[in-house]
Structures are given as structure tokens and as C-alpha cells.
Amino acid sequence: MPAVTYKDHARIYTPESWETALQAVVEEALRTGAPYELDLEMTRFDGERRWLTARGEALHDSSGRVVQLRGTVQDITERKSIEEALRESEARLRFTQDNAHVGAFEWT
């Protein structure tokens, strides 16, 4: 499968990831040359949702003008799933402690 073009990004990323995150940092990178790194949620062509970390940087010509962006993406879906499971576990523990009127503490 060929690489996805920038034009296709609006179709593969969720609206939240595209409109409020990636589009803004790409425009900023093109304007200022600032690098970026952010987590994005995408919808694959088969409908499966995945999480990615996108990193990008600007390439400049000899006069310092931004002429191209290049970047990478890394699938972090498993990490996001583990983080969510940890949040849920912590919430259950907090709920149990709050309702059992017990807690944990440490003397230093």
C-alpha cells in the first residue's frame, strides 16, 4: 500500500485529531519551521481505530524558507489501551477506598 498523501489525512484521522491537532501543527510548522510531536487517533480503511504518535520537521532551502515537511508515525494503540486500563483500575481503587472508608499511607 502506498504512503498516504497529505490530502488524504482529513479522511483517515478522526475529526478531533485532524481539525484540532494535526492540521494546526502542520500549518505552524510550514509557517515557522517548528517541529511537532503529537498523539492522533485514526480510522483505518477497514474501520478499525488506532492511535499514532506523529512527529514532523520542516526542511529549509538555502535561504531558510520552509520547502517541505517530513515525518514519521508510530502505532501506539497498545500503549493507549494499557494507559486506559490503568486509569480504570485506579478509578476502581479510588471508588473502593472512598466507599470502604479505608486508605493507604506511608510514613517517611
C-alpha atoms as a PDB file:
ATOM      1  CA  MET A   1       0.000   0.000   0.000  1.00  0.00           C
ATOM      2  CA  PRO A   2       1.444   3.408  -0.938  1.00  0.00           C
ATOM      3  CA  ALA A   3       2.005   6.120   1.645  1.00  0.00           C
ATOM      4  CA  VAL A   4      -0.969   8.319   2.417  1.00  0.00           C
ATOM      5  CA  THR A   5      -0.754  11.794   0.926  1.00  0.00           C
ATOM      6  CA  TYR A   6      -1.384  14.917   2.979  1.00  0.00           C
ATOM      7  CA  LYS A   7      -4.674  15.387   1.107  1.00  0.00           C
ATOM      8  CA  ASP A   8      -5.854  12.022   2.486  1.00  0.00           C
ATOM      9  CA  HIS A   9      -5.145  12.933   6.113  1.00  0.00           C
ATOM     10  CA  ALA A  10      -8.559  14.534   6.641  1.00  0.00           C
ATOM     11  CA  ARG A  11     -10.162  11.214   5.667  1.00  0.00           C
ATOM     12  CA  ILE A  12      -8.065   8.891   7.834  1.00  0.00           C
ATOM     13  CA  TYR A  13      -7.797  10.824  11.092  1.00  0.00           C
ATOM     14  CA  THR A  14     -10.776  11.376  13.350  1.00  0.00           C
ATOM     15  CA  PRO A  15     -12.217  14.887  13.052  1.00  0.00           C
ATOM     16  CA  GLU A  16     -10.872  15.756  16.506  1.00  0.00           C
ATOM     17  CA  SER A  17      -7.348  14.650  15.626  1.00  0.00           C
ATOM     18  CA  TRP A  18      -7.393  16.322  12.230  1.00  0.00           C
ATOM     19  CA  GLU A  19      -9.183  19.610  12.912  1.00  0.00           C
ATOM     20  CA  THR A  20      -7.929  20.413  16.398  1.00  0.00           C
ATOM     21  CA  ALA A  21      -4.462  18.901  16.316  1.00  0.00           C
ATOM     22  CA  LEU A  22      -2.644  17.802  13.186  1.00  0.00           C
ATOM     23  CA  GLN A  23      -3.879  20.484  10.814  1.00  0.00           C
ATOM     24  CA  ALA A  24      -2.858  23.215  13.277  1.00  0.00           C
ATOM     25  CA  VAL A  25       0.655  21.892  13.948  1.00  0.00           C
ATOM     26  CA  VAL A  26       1.324  21.305  10.252  1.00  0.00           C
ATOM     27  CA  GLU A  27       0.283  24.862   9.433  1.00  0.00           C
ATOM     28  CA  GLU A  28       2.501  26.139  12.275  1.00  0.00           C
ATOM     29  CA  ALA A  29       5.432  24.027  11.025  1.00  0.00           C
ATOM     30  CA  LEU A  30       5.006  25.386   7.500  1.00  0.00           C
ATOM     31  CA  ARG A  31       4.798  28.956   8.800  1.00  0.00           C
ATOM     32  CA  THR A  32       7.577  28.874  11.420  1.00  0.00           C
ATOM     33  CA  GLY A  33       9.590  25.712  10.803  1.00  0.00           C
ATOM     34  CA  ALA A  34       8.736  24.405  14.297  1.00  0.00           C
ATOM     35  CA  PRO A  35       8.935  20.618  14.729  1.00  0.00           C
ATOM     36  CA  TYR A  36       5.959  18.766  16.188  1.00  0.00           C
ATOM     37  CA  GLU A  37       5.058  15.604  18.054  1.00  0.00           C
ATOM     38  CA  LEU A  38       1.520  14.637  18.993  1.00  0.00           C
ATOM     39  CA  ASP A  39      -0.805  11.688  19.529  1.00  0.00           C
ATOM     40  CA  LEU A  40      -3.574  11.215  16.970  1.00  0.00           C
ATOM     41  CA  GLU A  41      -6.471   8.851  16.536  1.00  0.00           C
ATOM     42  CA  MET A  42      -7.045   7.450  13.078  1.00  0.00           C
ATOM     43  CA  THR A  43      -9.637   5.258  11.441  1.00  0.00           C
ATOM     44  CA  ARG A  44      -8.153   2.662   9.135  1.00  0.00           C
ATOM     45  CA  PHE A  45      -9.812   1.934   5.801  1.00  0.00           C
ATOM     46  CA  ASP A  46     -11.271  -1.256   7.347  1.00  0.00           C
ATOM     47  CA  GLY A  47     -12.913   0.872  10.088  1.00  0.00           C
ATOM     48  CA  GLU A  48     -10.553  -0.084  12.928  1.00  0.00           C
ATOM     49  CA  ARG A  49      -9.473   2.773  15.200  1.00  0.00           C
ATOM     50  CA  ARG A  50      -5.770   3.125  16.009  1.00  0.00           C
ATOM     51  CA  TRP A  51      -3.623   5.606  17.956  1.00  0.00           C
ATOM     52  CA  LEU A  52      -0.442   7.030  16.464  1.00  0.00           C
ATOM     53  CA  THR A  53       2.334   9.344  17.559  1.00  0.00           C
ATOM     54  CA  ALA A  54       3.168  11.690  14.688  1.00  0.00           C
ATOM     55  CA  ARG A  55       6.474  13.528  14.560  1.00  0.00           C
ATOM     56  CA  GLY A  56       7.377  16.056  11.901  1.00  0.00           C
ATOM     57  CA  GLU A  57      10.013  18.577  10.987  1.00  0.00           C
ATOM     58  CA  ALA A  58      10.482  21.239   8.359  1.00  0.00           C
ATOM     59  CA  LEU A  59      13.149  21.185   5.670  1.00  0.00           C
ATOM     60  CA  HIS A  60      14.519  24.553   4.592  1.00  0.00           C
ATOM     61  CA  ASP A  61      16.128  25.805   1.401  1.00  0.00           C
ATOM     62  CA  SER A  62      19.401  27.725   1.363  1.00  0.00           C
ATOM     63  CA  SER A  63      17.597  30.971   2.235  1.00  0.00           C
ATOM     64  CA  GLY A  64      15.914  29.423   5.283  1.00  0.00           C
ATOM     65  CA  ARG A  65      12.446  29.182   3.725  1.00  0.00           C
ATOM     66  CA  VAL A  66      10.391  26.069   4.609  1.00  0.00           C
ATOM     67  CA  VAL A  67      10.118  23.970   1.454  1.00  0.00           C
ATOM     68  CA  GLN A  68       8.966  20.591   2.752  1.00  0.00           C
ATOM     69  CA  LEU A  69       7.783  18.717   5.821  1.00  0.00           C
ATOM     70  CA  ARG A  70       8.853  15.196   6.617  1.00  0.00           C
ATOM     71  CA  GLY A  71       7.774  12.990   9.429  1.00  0.00           C
ATOM     72  CA  THR A  72       7.016   9.625  10.865  1.00  0.00           C
ATOM     73  CA  VAL A  73       4.142   7.925  12.629  1.00  0.00           C
ATOM     74  CA  GLN A  74       4.329   5.162  15.206  1.00  0.00           C
ATOM     75  CA  ASP A  75       1.403   2.964  16.211  1.00  0.00           C
ATOM     76  CA  ILE A  76       0.848   3.404  19.965  1.00  0.00           C
ATOM     77  CA  THR A  77      -2.553   1.699  20.197  1.00  0.00           C
ATOM     78  CA  GLU A  78      -1.304  -0.905  22.674  1.00  0.00           C
ATOM     79  CA  ARG A  79       0.202   1.784  24.922  1.00  0.00           C
ATOM     80  CA  LYS A  80      -3.051   3.772  24.849  1.00  0.00           C
ATOM     81  CA  SER A  81      -5.017   0.623  25.776  1.00  0.00           C
ATOM     82  CA  ILE A  82      -2.718  -0.046  28.731  1.00  0.00           C
ATOM     83  CA  GLU A  83      -2.979   3.582  29.890  1.00  0.00           C
ATOM     84  CA  GLU A  84      -6.792   3.391  29.733  1.00  0.00           C
ATOM     85  CA  ALA A  85      -6.826   0.096  31.676  1.00  0.00           C
ATOM     86  CA  LEU A  86      -4.590   1.684  34.324  1.00  0.00           C
ATOM     87  CA  ARG A  87      -6.910   4.720  34.609  1.00  0.00           C
ATOM     88  CA  GLU A  88      -9.908   2.419  35.030  1.00  0.00           C
ATOM     89  CA  SER A  89      -8.092   0.346  37.655  1.00  0.00           C
ATOM     90  CA  GLU A  90      -7.104   3.472  39.595  1.00  0.00           C
ATOM     91  CA  ALA A  91     -10.698   4.735  39.440  1.00  0.00           C
ATOM     92  CA  ARG A  92     -11.987   1.410  40.825  1.00  0.00           C
ATOM     93  CA  LEU A  93      -9.396   1.531  43.623  1.00  0.00           C
ATOM     94  CA  ARG A  94     -10.355   5.126  44.486  1.00  0.00           C
ATOM     95  CA  PHE A  95     -14.036   4.198  44.488  1.00  0.00           C
ATOM     96  CA  THR A  96     -13.370   1.219  46.767  1.00  0.00           C
ATOM     97  CA  GLN A  97     -11.269   3.284  49.174  1.00  0.00           C
ATOM     98  CA  ASP A  98     -13.812   6.104  49.266  1.00  0.00           C
ATOM     99  CA  ASN A  99     -16.695   3.750  49.945  1.00  0.00           C
ATOM    100  CA  ALA A 100     -14.885   1.435  52.360  1.00  0.00           C
ATOM    101  CA  HIS A 101     -13.559   4.401  54.341  1.00  0.00           C
ATOM    102  CA  VAL A 102     -10.040   2.985  54.239  1.00  0.00           C
ATOM    103  CA  GLY A 103      -6.901   4.260  52.683  1.00  0.00           C
ATOM    104  CA  ALA A 104      -3.209   3.764  52.350  1.00  0.00           C
ATOM    105  CA  PHE A 105      -0.467   5.986  53.655  1.00  0.00           C
ATOM    106  CA  GLU A 106       3.281   5.966  54.041  1.00  0.00           C
ATOM    107  CA  TRP A 107       5.362   7.356  56.890  1.00  0.00           C
ATOM    108  CA  THR A 108       8.660   8.856  55.861  1.00  0.00           C
END
